[in-house]
Amino acid sequence: LLQGQRAEWAAKWRQLCDGLDPLAPADENRLAEIAAAWTDYLHQCKSQGLHFIQPGRFVLPGDMAGAPALQFFPWPDVDAFGESKLAQADKQTNAGMLRERFNYYCEKVVKGFYKNHFLRFDRQIVLVDCLQPLNSGPQAFNDMRLALTQLMQSFHYGQRTLFRRLFSPVIDKLLFAATKADHVTLDQHANMVALLQQLIQDAWQNAAFEGISMDCLGLASVQATTSGVIEVNGEKIPALRGNRLSDGAPLTVYPGEVPSRLPGQAFWDSQGFQFEAFRPQVMDVDKPLPHIRLDAALEFLIGDKLR
């Protein structure tokens, strides 16, 4: 994972690791310093639009901010010391303390998250923002693919997965939704859904094998734009009207085409679109917020519960 720009952003963390002997007696102050450098690296990845950020609680610590349970990090050069030697290191060494903290994190934080939030769920929706990674370039897009793949492995419904080992899931409906459908023109909604289907193909096949009812759609819980048509060189093309998120300036734009398949290098070389971020429309207090297919999502997920 530490390739390209990631390697640049992780340089300080790597330098600090190079100055630490993992088999020496544990130095909690040094470990805290290096863990802080790893956290800074994760925040940098997040600010640059990347999605595969692990451990996730490092950037969203909540009530665990500053806790020793979040003061660990991966060791960058396992081969130099030997994987078995590091795995068997005394818990009073640097490597041993990192291992103990990692195991605690997995047992109490990760497993606790699954148990506390998913034990009673029988319906699941997975929201995927395909547009922001397309804006940010191939590294961000491929990183999103990796994050999505890892996420869906966590929620795999097979018999030997973490999800199944922790408890007996009863998920019977699963919805994949491509978000920000209001940020592309209507003629691109089908492409958005097709791209999402490509991204989640393996998870889709696995869930289908388990007999879970599934659907895939484009969604905007609050519609921030209105659709229209503009004329360019005598040709009418679809467009969006809205107010830019950053400064509220009114915009009428054609953001461009969403690829219907996983983009290759030719797509990135000829990329000619820019998906603007829009702020919600000003609405009267007595009117409902406009949306795109929120009703369809609710009908699929819980419609049968309300009949």
Protein backbone atom coordinates (compact mmCIF):
# COMPACT_ATOMS: atom_id res chain seq x y z
CA LEU A 1 0.00 0.00 0.00
CA LEU A 2 2.89 2.40 0.63
CA GLN A 3 3.46 3.26 -3.01
CA GLY A 4 3.29 6.47 -4.99
CA GLN A 5 2.03 9.41 -2.98
CA ARG A 6 1.26 7.18 -0.02
CA ALA A 7 4.99 6.54 0.36
CA GLU A 8 5.67 10.30 0.37
CA TRP A 9 3.02 10.98 3.00
CA ALA A 10 4.30 8.13 5.20
CA ALA A 11 7.96 9.23 5.05
CA LYS A 12 8.05 10.67 8.59
CA TRP A 13 6.43 7.56 10.06
CA ARG A 14 8.86 5.33 8.18
CA GLN A 15 11.83 7.38 9.37
CA LEU A 16 10.73 7.09 12.99
CA CYS A 17 10.26 3.32 12.61
CA ASP A 18 13.78 2.99 11.21
CA GLY A 19 15.10 4.41 14.49
CA LEU A 20 13.24 1.93 16.70
CA ASP A 21 14.34 -1.58 17.62
CA PRO A 22 11.15 -3.67 17.77
CA LEU A 23 12.80 -6.24 20.06
CA ALA A 24 14.09 -3.69 22.58
CA PRO A 25 12.23 -3.06 25.87
CA ALA A 26 9.00 -1.20 25.22
CA ASP A 27 9.28 2.58 25.13
CA GLU A 28 5.73 3.90 25.42
CA ASN A 29 6.71 7.48 24.61
CA ARG A 30 8.42 6.44 21.37
CA LEU A 31 5.50 4.21 20.44
CA ALA A 32 3.06 7.07 21.05
CA GLU A 33 5.18 9.37 18.87
CA ILE A 34 5.30 6.90 15.99
CA ALA A 35 1.59 6.11 16.34
CA ALA A 36 0.90 9.85 16.07
CA ALA A 37 2.96 9.97 12.86
CA TRP A 38 0.94 7.03 11.48
CA THR A 39 -2.28 8.84 12.41
CA ASP A 40 -1.06 11.99 10.63
CA TYR A 41 -0.38 9.85 7.56
CA LEU A 42 -3.93 8.46 7.65
CA HIS A 43 -5.38 11.96 7.96
CA GLN A 44 -3.32 13.00 4.93
CA CYS A 45 -4.73 10.07 2.95
CA LYS A 46 -8.25 11.05 3.98
CA SER A 47 -7.74 14.70 3.03
CA GLN A 48 -6.50 13.63 -0.42
CA GLY A 49 -9.67 11.67 -1.13
CA LEU A 50 -8.39 8.15 -0.42
CA HIS A 51 -10.70 5.59 1.15
CA PHE A 52 -8.64 2.64 2.38
CA ILE A 53 -7.68 4.09 5.76
CA GLN A 54 -6.81 1.58 8.46
CA PRO A 55 -7.41 1.46 11.34
CA GLY A 56 -10.46 3.64 10.79
CA ARG A 57 -10.83 4.71 14.42
CA PHE A 58 -7.46 6.50 14.19
CA VAL A 59 -9.08 9.28 12.15
CA LEU A 60 -12.44 9.09 13.98
CA PRO A 61 -11.35 8.24 17.54
CA GLY A 62 -14.41 9.58 19.35
CA ASP A 63 -14.16 8.84 23.07
CA MET A 64 -10.99 6.81 22.45
CA ALA A 65 -8.89 9.87 21.55
CA GLY A 66 -5.48 9.60 23.20
CA ALA A 67 -6.11 6.09 24.53
CA PRO A 68 -3.22 3.58 24.42
CA ALA A 69 -5.54 1.26 22.48
CA LEU A 70 -5.06 3.59 19.49
CA GLN A 71 -1.30 3.86 19.88
CA PHE A 72 -0.11 1.11 17.60
CA PHE A 73 0.98 0.88 13.96
CA PRO A 74 2.11 -1.70 11.40
CA TRP A 75 5.79 -2.60 11.35
CA PRO A 76 7.18 -1.58 7.92
CA ASP A 77 10.05 -4.05 7.53
CA VAL A 78 8.98 -7.43 8.86
CA ASP A 79 11.51 -9.35 6.74
CA ALA A 80 14.46 -7.63 8.39
CA PHE A 81 13.65 -9.25 11.75
CA GLY A 82 11.56 -12.23 10.70
CA GLU A 83 7.81 -12.53 10.98
CA SER A 84 7.92 -15.39 13.48
CA LYS A 85 10.40 -13.59 15.74
CA LEU A 86 8.23 -10.48 15.84
CA ALA A 87 5.08 -12.55 16.42
CA GLN A 88 6.71 -14.32 19.37
CA ALA A 89 8.37 -11.23 20.86
CA ASP A 90 7.91 -10.79 24.61
CA LYS A 91 4.99 -8.49 25.38
CA GLN A 92 7.36 -6.17 27.26
CA THR A 93 9.20 -5.36 24.01
CA ASN A 94 8.16 -2.72 21.48
CA ALA A 95 6.88 -5.37 19.07
CA GLY A 96 5.10 -7.21 21.86
CA MET A 97 3.33 -4.10 23.09
CA LEU A 98 2.24 -3.22 19.55
CA ARG A 99 0.90 -6.76 19.14
CA GLU A 100 -1.01 -6.60 22.44
CA ARG A 101 -2.59 -3.27 21.54
CA PHE A 102 -3.53 -4.47 18.08
CA ASN A 103 -5.16 -7.61 19.49
CA TYR A 104 -7.08 -5.51 22.01
CA TYR A 105 -8.27 -3.23 19.21
CA CYS A 106 -9.50 -6.19 17.16
CA GLU A 107 -11.22 -7.85 20.10
CA LYS A 108 -12.81 -4.85 21.81
CA VAL A 109 -13.20 -2.19 19.13
CA VAL A 110 -13.72 -4.10 15.86
CA LYS A 111 -15.73 -7.02 17.20
CA GLY A 112 -17.58 -4.70 19.55
CA PHE A 113 -18.59 -2.56 16.59
CA TYR A 114 -20.05 -5.53 14.75
CA LYS A 115 -21.90 -6.80 17.80
CA ASN A 116 -23.26 -3.44 18.93
CA HIS A 117 -24.40 -2.21 15.53
CA PHE A 118 -25.32 -5.22 13.41
CA LEU A 119 -26.67 -7.88 15.73
CA ARG A 120 -30.34 -7.05 15.18
CA PHE A 121 -30.24 -5.80 11.59
CA ASP A 122 -32.02 -7.75 8.89
CA ARG A 123 -31.70 -5.13 6.13
CA GLN A 124 -28.51 -3.47 4.91
CA ILE A 125 -27.72 -0.53 2.62
CA VAL A 126 -24.22 0.17 1.32
CA LEU A 127 -23.70 3.78 0.17
CA VAL A 128 -20.93 4.29 -2.40
CA ASP A 129 -19.67 7.66 -3.65
CA CYS A 130 -18.30 6.88 -7.12
CA LEU A 131 -17.99 10.52 -8.20
CA GLN A 132 -15.42 11.91 -5.78
CA PRO A 133 -12.82 9.23 -6.67
CA LEU A 134 -13.49 9.83 -10.37
CA ASN A 135 -12.75 13.50 -9.73
CA SER A 136 -9.57 12.77 -7.80
CA GLY A 137 -7.90 10.48 -10.31
CA PRO A 138 -6.84 6.85 -10.74
CA GLN A 139 -5.07 6.50 -7.38
CA ALA A 140 -8.15 7.63 -5.46
CA PHE A 141 -10.46 5.50 -7.61
CA ASN A 142 -8.37 2.34 -7.23
CA ASP A 143 -8.06 3.04 -3.52
CA MET A 144 -11.85 3.23 -3.29
CA ARG A 145 -12.11 -0.12 -5.10
CA LEU A 146 -9.74 -1.67 -2.57
CA ALA A 147 -11.63 -0.18 0.38
CA LEU A 148 -14.95 -1.41 -0.99
CA THR A 149 -13.56 -4.90 -1.59
CA GLN A 150 -12.22 -5.10 1.96
CA LEU A 151 -15.47 -3.75 3.39
CA MET A 152 -17.58 -6.31 1.58
CA GLN A 153 -15.27 -9.09 2.75
CA SER A 154 -16.02 -8.01 6.31
CA PHE A 155 -19.74 -8.39 5.63
CA HIS A 156 -19.36 -11.60 3.65
CA TYR A 157 -22.23 -13.92 4.37
CA GLY A 158 -20.31 -17.17 4.04
CA GLN A 159 -20.03 -19.59 6.94
CA ARG A 160 -16.36 -18.94 7.80
CA THR A 161 -16.26 -15.15 7.92
CA LEU A 162 -15.95 -12.76 10.87
CA PHE A 163 -19.52 -11.59 10.38
CA ARG A 164 -20.85 -15.15 10.62
CA ARG A 165 -18.53 -16.21 13.46
CA LEU A 166 -19.57 -13.32 15.71
CA PHE A 167 -23.28 -14.02 15.43
CA SER A 168 -25.86 -15.50 13.11
CA PRO A 169 -26.80 -12.70 10.71
CA VAL A 170 -30.33 -12.56 9.40
CA ILE A 171 -29.76 -10.12 6.54
CA ASP A 172 -32.37 -10.87 3.90
CA LYS A 173 -32.26 -7.65 1.85
CA LEU A 174 -29.19 -5.78 0.63
CA LEU A 175 -29.23 -2.49 -1.28
CA PHE A 176 -26.22 -0.91 -3.00
CA ALA A 177 -26.72 2.80 -3.69
CA ALA A 178 -24.55 5.13 -5.79
CA THR A 179 -24.83 8.43 -3.94
CA LYS A 180 -24.88 12.00 -5.30
CA ALA A 181 -27.18 11.10 -8.18
CA ASP A 182 -28.15 14.79 -8.24
CA HIS A 183 -24.57 15.71 -9.19
CA VAL A 184 -24.81 14.13 -12.66
CA THR A 185 -27.36 14.63 -15.41
CA LEU A 186 -30.29 12.25 -15.77
CA ASP A 187 -28.80 10.58 -18.83
CA GLN A 188 -25.82 9.45 -16.71
CA HIS A 189 -27.77 7.74 -13.93
CA ALA A 190 -27.74 4.38 -15.72
CA ASN A 191 -23.96 4.65 -16.13
CA MET A 192 -23.57 5.39 -12.40
CA VAL A 193 -25.47 2.25 -11.50
CA ALA A 194 -23.58 0.17 -14.08
CA LEU A 195 -20.24 1.37 -12.67
CA LEU A 196 -21.33 0.54 -9.14
CA GLN A 197 -22.40 -2.92 -10.25
CA GLN A 198 -18.90 -3.46 -11.66
CA LEU A 199 -17.36 -2.36 -8.36
CA ILE A 200 -19.42 -4.71 -6.19
CA GLN A 201 -19.63 -7.66 -8.57
CA ASP A 202 -17.95 -10.17 -6.23
CA ALA A 203 -20.04 -9.14 -3.22
CA TRP A 204 -23.17 -9.27 -5.38
CA GLN A 205 -22.43 -12.82 -6.51
CA ASN A 206 -21.71 -13.95 -2.96
CA ALA A 207 -24.91 -12.46 -1.56
CA ALA A 208 -26.91 -13.95 -4.43
CA PHE A 209 -25.47 -17.36 -3.59
CA GLU A 210 -26.71 -16.91 -0.02
CA GLY A 211 -30.23 -16.19 -1.31
CA ILE A 212 -30.30 -12.54 -0.24
CA SER A 213 -32.61 -10.19 -2.14
CA MET A 214 -30.57 -7.35 -3.68
CA ASP A 215 -30.94 -4.18 -5.69
CA CYS A 216 -28.69 -1.42 -7.00
CA LEU A 217 -29.72 2.19 -7.70
CA GLY A 218 -28.62 5.82 -7.91
CA LEU A 219 -29.64 7.91 -4.91
CA ALA A 220 -29.70 11.45 -3.55
CA SER A 221 -31.31 11.80 -0.13
CA VAL A 222 -31.46 15.58 -0.66
CA GLN A 223 -31.56 16.78 -4.27
CA ALA A 224 -29.29 19.81 -4.54
CA THR A 225 -29.75 20.51 -8.28
CA THR A 226 -32.42 20.80 -10.92
CA SER A 227 -32.17 19.33 -14.40
CA GLY A 228 -32.26 21.44 -17.52
CA VAL A 229 -30.92 21.84 -21.04
CA ILE A 230 -28.28 24.21 -22.39
CA GLU A 231 -27.31 25.00 -25.97
CA VAL A 232 -23.67 24.76 -27.00
CA ASN A 233 -22.72 25.54 -30.61
CA GLY A 234 -26.30 25.00 -31.65
CA GLU A 235 -26.54 21.63 -29.90
CA LYS A 236 -28.78 21.05 -26.92
CA ILE A 237 -27.22 19.06 -24.10
CA PRO A 238 -28.49 18.13 -20.62
CA ALA A 239 -27.25 20.25 -17.73
CA LEU A 240 -27.56 20.79 -14.00
CA ARG A 241 -28.48 23.99 -12.22
CA GLY A 242 -27.52 24.62 -8.63
CA ASN A 243 -25.36 26.60 -6.23
CA ARG A 244 -21.73 25.67 -5.71
CA LEU A 245 -21.04 24.31 -2.24
CA SER A 246 -17.89 26.35 -1.63
CA ASP A 247 -19.25 29.85 -2.25
CA GLY A 248 -22.92 29.53 -3.19
CA ALA A 249 -22.31 30.81 -6.72
CA PRO A 250 -25.07 29.80 -9.18
CA LEU A 251 -23.91 27.24 -11.74
CA THR A 252 -25.31 25.66 -14.86
CA VAL A 253 -23.01 22.85 -15.92
CA TYR A 254 -22.73 19.59 -17.79
CA PRO A 255 -20.42 17.60 -15.48
CA GLY A 256 -19.53 15.03 -18.13
CA GLU A 257 -20.01 11.33 -18.73
CA VAL A 258 -19.77 8.72 -16.01
CA PRO A 259 -18.01 5.58 -17.27
CA SER A 260 -20.28 2.56 -17.29
CA ARG A 261 -17.34 0.21 -16.73
CA LEU A 262 -14.21 0.30 -14.60
CA PRO A 263 -12.09 3.03 -16.22
CA GLY A 264 -8.79 2.13 -17.85
CA GLN A 265 -5.80 4.35 -18.54
CA ALA A 266 -7.36 5.74 -21.72
CA PHE A 267 -10.21 7.14 -19.65
CA TRP A 268 -7.87 8.93 -17.24
CA ASP A 269 -5.76 10.29 -20.10
CA SER A 270 -8.81 11.84 -21.77
CA GLN A 271 -10.81 12.72 -18.66
CA GLY A 272 -12.85 15.82 -19.42
CA PHE A 273 -15.32 16.30 -16.61
CA GLN A 274 -15.50 17.91 -13.20
CA PHE A 275 -18.21 16.92 -10.77
CA GLU A 276 -19.01 20.04 -8.80
CA ALA A 277 -20.22 19.85 -5.21
CA PHE A 278 -23.54 21.66 -4.74
CA ARG A 279 -25.20 23.01 -1.64
CA PRO A 280 -28.83 22.04 -0.88
CA GLN A 281 -31.54 24.16 -2.44
CA VAL A 282 -33.31 26.81 -0.38
CA MET A 283 -36.67 25.33 0.56
CA ASP A 284 -39.81 26.59 2.22
CA VAL A 285 -40.25 25.24 5.74
CA ASP A 286 -43.61 23.68 4.88
CA LYS A 287 -42.35 21.74 1.86
CA PRO A 288 -40.61 18.36 1.83
CA LEU A 289 -36.99 18.15 0.74
CA PRO A 290 -36.59 16.98 -2.86
CA HIS A 291 -34.76 13.70 -3.35
CA ILE A 292 -33.86 11.15 -6.00
CA ARG A 293 -35.12 7.59 -5.45
CA LEU A 294 -35.11 7.80 -1.66
CA ASP A 295 -38.67 6.47 -1.81
CA ALA A 296 -37.53 3.54 -3.96
CA ALA A 297 -34.75 2.74 -1.49
CA LEU A 298 -37.14 2.77 1.47
CA GLU A 299 -39.69 0.70 -0.41
CA PHE A 300 -37.10 -1.95 -1.20
CA LEU A 301 -35.61 -2.03 2.30
CA ILE A 302 -38.64 -1.75 4.59
CA GLY A 303 -41.74 -1.55 2.40
CA ASP A 304 -42.87 -5.02 3.40
CA LYS A 305 -42.51 -4.09 7.09
CA LEU A 306 -45.03 -1.25 6.73
CA ARG A 307 -47.78 -3.09 4.92
